[in-house]
C-alpha atoms as a PDB file:
ATOM      1  CA  MET A   1     -28.733 -83.829  18.618  1.00  0.00           C
ATOM      2  CA  GLY A   2     -29.794 -80.175  18.833  1.00  0.00           C
ATOM      3  CA  LYS A   3     -27.779 -77.023  18.287  1.00  0.00           C
ATOM      4  CA  GLU A   4     -24.801 -76.624  20.635  1.00  0.00           C
ATOM      5  CA  GLY A   5     -24.218 -72.935  21.232  1.00  0.00           C
ATOM      6  CA  ALA A   6     -24.455 -69.786  19.179  1.00  0.00           C
ATOM      7  CA  LYS A   7     -22.181 -67.580  17.094  1.00  0.00           C
ATOM      8  CA  ASN A   8     -22.977 -64.229  18.771  1.00  0.00           C
ATOM      9  CA  TRP A   9     -22.762 -63.685  22.531  1.00  0.00           C
ATOM     10  CA  TYR A  10     -23.094 -60.650  24.815  1.00  0.00           C
ATOM     11  CA  VAL A  11     -21.962 -60.120  28.406  1.00  0.00           C
ATOM     12  CA  ILE A  12     -23.329 -56.829  29.672  1.00  0.00           C
ATOM     13  CA  ASP A  13     -22.165 -56.623  33.308  1.00  0.00           C
ATOM     14  CA  GLY A  14     -18.392 -56.377  33.074  1.00  0.00           C
ATOM     15  CA  TYR A  15     -16.851 -54.729  36.155  1.00  0.00           C
ATOM     16  CA  LEU A  16     -13.334 -55.859  37.016  1.00  0.00           C
ATOM     17  CA  PRO A  17     -13.376 -55.905  40.852  1.00  0.00           C
ATOM     18  CA  TYR A  18     -10.848 -54.849  43.439  1.00  0.00           C
ATOM     19  CA  LYS A  19      -7.744 -57.031  43.123  1.00  0.00           C
ATOM     20  CA  GLY A  20      -6.494 -57.262  46.720  1.00  0.00           C
ATOM     21  CA  LYS A  21      -6.119 -60.619  48.407  1.00  0.00           C
ATOM     22  CA  ILE A  22      -7.770 -61.963  51.520  1.00  0.00           C
ATOM     23  CA  ASP A  23      -5.290 -62.507  54.369  1.00  0.00           C
ATOM     24  CA  HIS A  24      -3.659 -65.952  54.196  1.00  0.00           C
ATOM     25  CA  ASP A  25      -5.534 -66.893  51.024  1.00  0.00           C
ATOM     26  CA  SER A  26      -4.562 -67.130  47.384  1.00  0.00           C
ATOM     27  CA  LEU A  27      -7.888 -65.781  46.062  1.00  0.00           C
ATOM     28  CA  GLU A  28      -7.785 -62.463  44.220  1.00  0.00           C
ATOM     29  CA  GLY A  29     -10.512 -60.366  42.655  1.00  0.00           C
ATOM     30  CA  HIS A  30     -10.929 -61.082  38.959  1.00  0.00           C
ATOM     31  CA  GLU A  31     -13.338 -61.771  36.119  1.00  0.00           C
ATOM     32  CA  ALA A  32     -13.120 -64.585  33.614  1.00  0.00           C
ATOM     33  CA  ILE A  33     -14.805 -65.615  30.396  1.00  0.00           C
ATOM     34  CA  MET A  34     -15.230 -69.329  29.754  1.00  0.00           C
ATOM     35  CA  ILE A  35     -15.767 -70.474  26.169  1.00  0.00           C
ATOM     36  CA  LEU A  36     -16.915 -74.041  25.491  1.00  0.00           C
ATOM     37  CA  ASN A  37     -16.407 -75.416  21.993  1.00  0.00           C
ATOM     38  CA  CYS A  38     -18.168 -78.794  21.621  1.00  0.00           C
ATOM     39  CA  HIS A  39     -17.417 -79.091  17.906  1.00  0.00           C
ATOM     40  CA  ASP A  40     -14.726 -80.904  15.915  1.00  0.00           C
ATOM     41  CA  THR A  41     -13.204 -77.686  14.536  1.00  0.00           C
ATOM     42  CA  GLU A  42     -11.533 -74.823  16.380  1.00  0.00           C
ATOM     43  CA  ALA A  43     -13.563 -71.661  16.921  1.00  0.00           C
ATOM     44  CA  LYS A  44     -12.125 -68.345  15.766  1.00  0.00           C
ATOM     45  CA  ILE A  45     -13.718 -65.673  17.938  1.00  0.00           C
ATOM     46  CA  PHE A  46     -13.534 -61.881  17.876  1.00  0.00           C
ATOM     47  CA  MET A  47     -14.250 -59.998  21.110  1.00  0.00           C
ATOM     48  CA  ASP A  48     -15.245 -56.324  21.360  1.00  0.00           C
ATOM     49  CA  ILE A  49     -15.049 -54.403  24.659  1.00  0.00           C
ATOM     50  CA  PHE A  50     -17.506 -51.516  25.047  1.00  0.00           C
ATOM     51  CA  TYR A  51     -17.114 -48.695  27.605  1.00  0.00           C
ATOM     52  CA  GLU A  52     -19.283 -45.897  29.009  1.00  0.00           C
ATOM     53  CA  ASP A  53     -16.960 -43.034  28.103  1.00  0.00           C
ATOM     54  CA  ARG A  54     -14.863 -44.011  25.061  1.00  0.00           C
ATOM     55  CA  GLU A  55     -14.864 -45.939  21.831  1.00  0.00           C
ATOM     56  CA  PRO A  56     -14.728 -49.749  22.044  1.00  0.00           C
ATOM     57  CA  ASP A  57     -11.676 -51.948  21.649  1.00  0.00           C
ATOM     58  CA  ARG A  58     -12.653 -54.153  18.717  1.00  0.00           C
ATOM     59  CA  ASP A  59     -11.734 -57.401  17.004  1.00  0.00           C
ATOM     60  CA  ILE A  60      -9.616 -58.948  19.765  1.00  0.00           C
ATOM     61  CA  ARG A  61      -8.811 -62.399  18.381  1.00  0.00           C
ATOM     62  CA  LEU A  62      -9.452 -65.461  20.543  1.00  0.00           C
ATOM     63  CA  VAL A  63      -9.328 -69.167  19.686  1.00  0.00           C
ATOM     64  CA  ALA A  64     -11.144 -72.043  21.386  1.00  0.00           C
ATOM     65  CA  ALA A  65      -9.710 -75.400  20.318  1.00  0.00           C
ATOM     66  CA  ALA A  66     -12.003 -78.159  19.094  1.00  0.00           C
ATOM     67  CA  ARG A  67     -13.783 -80.051  21.902  1.00  0.00           C
ATOM     68  CA  ARG A  68     -12.164 -77.858  24.587  1.00  0.00           C
ATOM     69  CA  VAL A  69     -12.913 -75.095  27.053  1.00  0.00           C
ATOM     70  CA  LYS A  70     -10.951 -71.840  26.945  1.00  0.00           C
ATOM     71  CA  CYS A  71     -10.727 -69.672  30.080  1.00  0.00           C
ATOM     72  CA  ILE A  72      -9.735 -66.030  29.673  1.00  0.00           C
ATOM     73  CA  ARG A  73      -8.882 -63.844  32.660  1.00  0.00           C
ATOM     74  CA  MET A  74      -9.987 -60.276  32.002  1.00  0.00           C
ATOM     75  CA  ASP A  75      -7.217 -58.956  34.266  1.00  0.00           C
ATOM     76  CA  HIS A  76      -4.492 -60.576  32.129  1.00  0.00           C
ATOM     77  CA  PRO A  77      -3.785 -58.201  29.218  1.00  0.00           C
ATOM     78  CA  ASP A  78      -1.775 -60.866  27.385  1.00  0.00           C
ATOM     79  CA  GLU A  79      -4.975 -62.956  27.100  1.00  0.00           C
ATOM     80  CA  ILE A  80      -7.108 -60.120  25.672  1.00  0.00           C
ATOM     81  CA  GLY A  81      -4.986 -58.557  22.962  1.00  0.00           C
ATOM     82  CA  GLY A  82      -2.785 -56.467  25.264  1.00  0.00           C
ATOM     83  CA  ILE A  83      -5.706 -54.434  26.658  1.00  0.00           C
ATOM     84  CA  ALA A  84      -5.334 -53.450  30.322  1.00  0.00           C
ATOM     85  CA  LEU A  85      -8.830 -52.956  31.714  1.00  0.00           C
ATOM     86  CA  ASP A  86      -9.318 -50.419  34.480  1.00  0.00           C
ATOM     87  CA  ARG A  87     -10.633 -51.896  37.703  1.00  0.00           C
ATOM     88  CA  GLN A  88     -14.024 -50.905  39.074  1.00  0.00           C
ATOM     89  CA  LEU A  89     -15.232 -49.399  35.784  1.00  0.00           C
ATOM     90  CA  GLN A  90     -18.200 -50.725  33.827  1.00  0.00           C
ATOM     91  CA  TYR A  91     -17.741 -52.441  30.459  1.00  0.00           C
ATOM     92  CA  SER A  92     -19.628 -54.882  28.222  1.00  0.00           C
ATOM     93  CA  LEU A  93     -18.485 -57.581  25.813  1.00  0.00           C
ATOM     94  CA  ARG A  94     -19.585 -58.844  22.407  1.00  0.00           C
ATOM     95  CA  PHE A  95     -18.277 -62.093  20.918  1.00  0.00           C
ATOM     96  CA  LYS A  96     -18.564 -63.158  17.267  1.00  0.00           C
ATOM     97  CA  SER A  97     -17.537 -66.738  16.476  1.00  0.00           C
ATOM     98  CA  ASP A  98     -17.309 -68.690  13.231  1.00  0.00           C
ATOM     99  CA  VAL A  99     -18.447 -71.857  15.093  1.00  0.00           C
ATOM    100  CA  ASP A 100     -21.304 -72.213  17.590  1.00  0.00           C
ATOM    101  CA  VAL A 101     -19.890 -71.930  21.145  1.00  0.00           C
ATOM    102  CA  ILE A 102     -21.234 -71.438  24.677  1.00  0.00           C
ATOM    103  CA  ILE A 103     -19.960 -68.472  26.701  1.00  0.00           C
ATOM    104  CA  GLN A 104     -20.178 -68.025  30.454  1.00  0.00           C
ATOM    105  CA  TYR A 105     -18.873 -65.203  32.630  1.00  0.00           C
ATOM    106  CA  GLY A 106     -17.658 -65.275  36.227  1.00  0.00           C
ATOM    107  CA  ARG A 107     -16.557 -62.680  38.787  1.00  0.00           C
ATOM    108  CA  MET A 108     -14.647 -63.229  42.033  1.00  0.00           C
ATOM    109  CA  ASP A 109     -15.254 -60.167  44.215  1.00  0.00           C
ATOM    110  CA  ILE A 110     -13.243 -60.067  47.434  1.00  0.00           C
ATOM    111  CA  ALA A 111     -13.944 -56.465  48.447  1.00  0.00           C
ATOM    112  CA  GLN A 112     -15.237 -57.789  51.773  1.00  0.00           C
ATOM    113  CA  PRO A 113     -14.206 -60.800  53.904  1.00  0.00           C
ATOM    114  CA  ASN A 114     -17.220 -62.931  52.980  1.00  0.00           C
ATOM    115  CA  LEU A 115     -16.310 -62.653  49.257  1.00  0.00           C
ATOM    116  CA  ALA A 116     -18.652 -63.477  46.400  1.00  0.00           C
ATOM    117  CA  TYR A 117     -18.375 -65.446  43.177  1.00  0.00           C
ATOM    118  CA  ILE A 118     -21.001 -65.030  40.517  1.00  0.00           C
ATOM    119  CA  GLY A 119     -21.290 -66.976  37.322  1.00  0.00           C
ATOM    120  CA  MET A 120     -23.762 -66.310  34.563  1.00  0.00           C
ATOM    121  CA  ILE A 121     -24.400 -67.359  31.030  1.00  0.00           C
ATOM    122  CA  GLY A 122     -24.189 -64.600  28.425  1.00  0.00           C
ATOM    123  CA  TYR A 123     -27.037 -63.628  26.104  1.00  0.00           C
ATOM    124  CA  SER A 124     -26.788 -65.291  22.694  1.00  0.00           C
ATOM    125  CA  GLU A 125     -28.335 -65.037  19.262  1.00  0.00           C
END
């Protein structure tokens, strides 16, 4: 079997969207990072958040259990080291893991009634 993942990942297009909800619906604007760990050992991951106008928040500790997926909501400070991201401001992410993992990013944007969800794989090395 070939390599399953990488240790370094980058998500460039972070932009936490408008939060409001669509009438009579439970959907709310958010972004999420999904980490897949296919290996038999847990992955210890450090996330850095880079901004346009200030120094990065660095070494935010994350853990993805062995043979599991970990979903992290970027609008939940308790899931990202207590950091409260500003909405509608650009940021980028770097992940460094001690085990090869796969990282995907998703955004639910409900700024208009026909809402949009995008999902993309990060860049890895």
